[in-house]
Amino acid sequence: MKFSPHVRLFIFLVTTFLVAASVSAQSPDSMQRWQDFDFSKAALKAGDLAPVPLEDLKLMRGIVFGRHGRIFKDAEIATYLTAQDWYKPNHEFQAFQRAVAPAIFRRALLVQIKGKL
């Protein structure tokens, strides 16, 4: 079945809106624990992350680096962070990331994410 370009655009916009709304709707409850978690003072164990859905792991990454102002290109993370009161985008984040961000945490989180794919 062929749709006109206007109908296809409408379907695309509605789908995009619904996906963004579902991410925003499900995130606050499931992500509250990680928003309150102090990653600088407590170590995560594999068992802590095993039950976390892949979508939430992605948003966790946004929380960790978003606290320092990282600006994400990923639409889901950017939408989630923009909705948070504490998020303040910082265009100087790249320098911070290279100098201060803990590479061990980044590696451990990526290993967990890849293990769930």
C-alpha atoms as a PDB file:
ATOM      1  CA  MET A   1       0.000   0.000   0.000  1.00  0.00           C
ATOM      2  CA  LYS A   2       1.402   3.366  -1.000  1.00  0.00           C
ATOM      3  CA  PHE A   3       0.961   6.462   1.117  1.00  0.00           C
ATOM      4  CA  SER A   4       1.353  10.043   0.037  1.00  0.00           C
ATOM      5  CA  PRO A   5       4.374  11.930   1.345  1.00  0.00           C
ATOM      6  CA  HIS A   6       2.136  13.880   3.741  1.00  0.00           C
ATOM      7  CA  VAL A   7       0.713  10.712   5.249  1.00  0.00           C
ATOM      8  CA  ARG A   8       4.195   9.198   5.602  1.00  0.00           C
ATOM      9  CA  LEU A   9       5.433  12.366   7.318  1.00  0.00           C
ATOM     10  CA  PHE A  10       2.457  12.311   9.664  1.00  0.00           C
ATOM     11  CA  ILE A  11       3.058   8.634  10.537  1.00  0.00           C
ATOM     12  CA  PHE A  12       6.744   9.350  11.145  1.00  0.00           C
ATOM     13  CA  LEU A  13       5.995  12.305  13.422  1.00  0.00           C
ATOM     14  CA  VAL A  14       3.375  10.402  15.418  1.00  0.00           C
ATOM     15  CA  THR A  15       5.726   7.423  15.825  1.00  0.00           C
ATOM     16  CA  THR A  16       8.586   9.672  16.935  1.00  0.00           C
ATOM     17  CA  PHE A  17       6.345  11.415  19.443  1.00  0.00           C
ATOM     18  CA  LEU A  18       5.085   8.110  20.858  1.00  0.00           C
ATOM     19  CA  VAL A  19       8.601   6.713  21.246  1.00  0.00           C
ATOM     20  CA  ALA A  20       9.801   9.880  22.982  1.00  0.00           C
ATOM     21  CA  ALA A  21       6.750   9.894  25.235  1.00  0.00           C
ATOM     22  CA  SER A  22       7.243   6.254  26.197  1.00  0.00           C
ATOM     23  CA  VAL A  23      10.892   6.877  27.106  1.00  0.00           C
ATOM     24  CA  SER A  24       9.902   9.865  29.216  1.00  0.00           C
ATOM     25  CA  ALA A  25       6.977   8.034  30.786  1.00  0.00           C
ATOM     26  CA  GLN A  26       8.852   4.922  31.839  1.00  0.00           C
ATOM     27  CA  SER A  27      12.135   6.515  32.818  1.00  0.00           C
ATOM     28  CA  PRO A  28      11.375   8.456  36.020  1.00  0.00           C
ATOM     29  CA  ASP A  29      10.325   5.475  38.141  1.00  0.00           C
ATOM     30  CA  SER A  30      12.929   3.026  36.895  1.00  0.00           C
ATOM     31  CA  MET A  31      15.711   5.613  36.842  1.00  0.00           C
ATOM     32  CA  GLN A  32      15.126   7.316  40.201  1.00  0.00           C
ATOM     33  CA  ARG A  33      17.488   4.911  41.980  1.00  0.00           C
ATOM     34  CA  TRP A  34      20.278   5.794  39.575  1.00  0.00           C
ATOM     35  CA  GLN A  35      19.606   9.521  39.738  1.00  0.00           C
ATOM     36  CA  ASP A  36      20.114   9.337  43.501  1.00  0.00           C
ATOM     37  CA  PHE A  37      23.102   6.963  43.294  1.00  0.00           C
ATOM     38  CA  ASP A  38      26.514   8.524  44.002  1.00  0.00           C
ATOM     39  CA  PHE A  39      28.732   6.900  41.371  1.00  0.00           C
ATOM     40  CA  SER A  40      31.809   8.649  42.754  1.00  0.00           C
ATOM     41  CA  LYS A  41      31.480   7.063  46.217  1.00  0.00           C
ATOM     42  CA  ALA A  42      30.028   3.625  45.571  1.00  0.00           C
ATOM     43  CA  ALA A  43      31.243   0.896  43.266  1.00  0.00           C
ATOM     44  CA  LEU A  44      28.832  -1.020  41.089  1.00  0.00           C
ATOM     45  CA  LYS A  45      28.964  -4.788  40.924  1.00  0.00           C
ATOM     46  CA  ALA A  46      27.884  -6.907  37.969  1.00  0.00           C
ATOM     47  CA  GLY A  47      24.916  -8.095  40.042  1.00  0.00           C
ATOM     48  CA  ASP A  48      23.717  -4.511  40.424  1.00  0.00           C
ATOM     49  CA  LEU A  49      23.456  -4.111  36.669  1.00  0.00           C
ATOM     50  CA  ALA A  50      22.304  -7.591  35.645  1.00  0.00           C
ATOM     51  CA  PRO A  51      18.562  -6.919  36.125  1.00  0.00           C
ATOM     52  CA  VAL A  52      18.701  -3.447  34.559  1.00  0.00           C
ATOM     53  CA  PRO A  53      17.128  -3.321  31.072  1.00  0.00           C
ATOM     54  CA  LEU A  54      19.336  -2.200  28.199  1.00  0.00           C
ATOM     55  CA  GLU A  55      17.287   0.983  27.746  1.00  0.00           C
ATOM     56  CA  ASP A  56      17.905   1.927  31.392  1.00  0.00           C
ATOM     57  CA  LEU A  57      21.644   1.216  31.076  1.00  0.00           C
ATOM     58  CA  LYS A  58      21.710   3.668  28.226  1.00  0.00           C
ATOM     59  CA  LEU A  59      19.990   6.301  30.378  1.00  0.00           C
ATOM     60  CA  MET A  60      22.353   5.513  33.285  1.00  0.00           C
ATOM     61  CA  ARG A  61      25.197   6.516  31.032  1.00  0.00           C
ATOM     62  CA  GLY A  62      23.315   9.728  30.413  1.00  0.00           C
ATOM     63  CA  ILE A  63      22.948  10.331  34.149  1.00  0.00           C
ATOM     64  CA  VAL A  64      26.632   9.737  34.919  1.00  0.00           C
ATOM     65  CA  PHE A  65      27.939  12.055  32.230  1.00  0.00           C
ATOM     66  CA  GLY A  66      24.923  14.370  32.169  1.00  0.00           C
ATOM     67  CA  ARG A  67      25.681  15.350  35.776  1.00  0.00           C
ATOM     68  CA  HIS A  68      28.833  16.944  34.385  1.00  0.00           C
ATOM     69  CA  GLY A  69      27.015  18.570  31.486  1.00  0.00           C
ATOM     70  CA  ARG A  70      27.798  16.245  28.613  1.00  0.00           C
ATOM     71  CA  ILE A  71      25.656  16.962  25.578  1.00  0.00           C
ATOM     72  CA  PHE A  72      24.449  13.755  23.939  1.00  0.00           C
ATOM     73  CA  LYS A  73      23.693  13.264  20.249  1.00  0.00           C
ATOM     74  CA  ASP A  74      21.623  10.166  21.047  1.00  0.00           C
ATOM     75  CA  ALA A  75      17.983  11.315  20.924  1.00  0.00           C
ATOM     76  CA  GLU A  76      16.757   9.097  23.781  1.00  0.00           C
ATOM     77  CA  ILE A  77      19.463  10.214  26.197  1.00  0.00           C
ATOM     78  CA  ALA A  78      19.169  13.860  25.137  1.00  0.00           C
ATOM     79  CA  THR A  79      15.373  13.802  25.581  1.00  0.00           C
ATOM     80  CA  TYR A  80      15.676  12.163  28.987  1.00  0.00           C
ATOM     81  CA  LEU A  81      18.325  14.587  30.243  1.00  0.00           C
ATOM     82  CA  THR A  82      16.534  17.666  28.946  1.00  0.00           C
ATOM     83  CA  ALA A  83      13.519  16.667  31.063  1.00  0.00           C
ATOM     84  CA  GLN A  84      15.630  16.591  34.261  1.00  0.00           C
ATOM     85  CA  ASP A  85      15.780  19.704  36.435  1.00  0.00           C
ATOM     86  CA  TRP A  86      19.392  19.060  37.406  1.00  0.00           C
ATOM     87  CA  TYR A  87      20.732  18.787  33.842  1.00  0.00           C
ATOM     88  CA  LYS A  88      22.783  21.779  32.714  1.00  0.00           C
ATOM     89  CA  PRO A  89      24.424  21.297  29.287  1.00  0.00           C
ATOM     90  CA  ASN A  90      28.118  22.176  29.318  1.00  0.00           C
ATOM     91  CA  HIS A  91      29.853  22.710  25.984  1.00  0.00           C
ATOM     92  CA  GLU A  92      33.226  22.332  27.700  1.00  0.00           C
ATOM     93  CA  PHE A  93      32.481  18.760  28.811  1.00  0.00           C
ATOM     94  CA  GLN A  94      34.858  17.095  26.351  1.00  0.00           C
ATOM     95  CA  ALA A  95      37.850  18.493  28.247  1.00  0.00           C
ATOM     96  CA  PHE A  96      36.372  17.236  31.515  1.00  0.00           C
ATOM     97  CA  GLN A  97      35.705  13.810  30.040  1.00  0.00           C
ATOM     98  CA  ARG A  98      39.291  13.370  28.925  1.00  0.00           C
ATOM     99  CA  ALA A  99      40.773  14.620  32.190  1.00  0.00           C
ATOM    100  CA  VAL A 100      38.490  13.396  34.961  1.00  0.00           C
ATOM    101  CA  ALA A 101      35.815  10.871  33.936  1.00  0.00           C
ATOM    102  CA  PRO A 102      36.584   7.388  35.305  1.00  0.00           C
ATOM    103  CA  ALA A 103      37.521   5.109  32.419  1.00  0.00           C
ATOM    104  CA  ILE A 104      37.004   2.018  34.576  1.00  0.00           C
ATOM    105  CA  PHE A 105      33.304   2.799  35.049  1.00  0.00           C
ATOM    106  CA  ARG A 106      32.842   3.521  31.351  1.00  0.00           C
ATOM    107  CA  ARG A 107      34.450   0.178  30.454  1.00  0.00           C
ATOM    108  CA  ALA A 108      32.427  -1.780  32.997  1.00  0.00           C
ATOM    109  CA  LEU A 109      29.181  -0.226  31.831  1.00  0.00           C
ATOM    110  CA  LEU A 110      29.968  -0.898  28.176  1.00  0.00           C
ATOM    111  CA  VAL A 111      30.791  -4.533  28.966  1.00  0.00           C
ATOM    112  CA  GLN A 112      27.405  -4.877  30.660  1.00  0.00           C
ATOM    113  CA  ILE A 113      25.608  -3.231  27.755  1.00  0.00           C
ATOM    114  CA  LYS A 114      27.351  -5.435  25.179  1.00  0.00           C
ATOM    115  CA  GLY A 115      26.530  -8.501  27.249  1.00  0.00           C
ATOM    116  CA  LYS A 116      22.811  -7.694  27.003  1.00  0.00           C
ATOM    117  CA  LEU A 117      22.800  -7.282  23.205  1.00  0.00           C
END
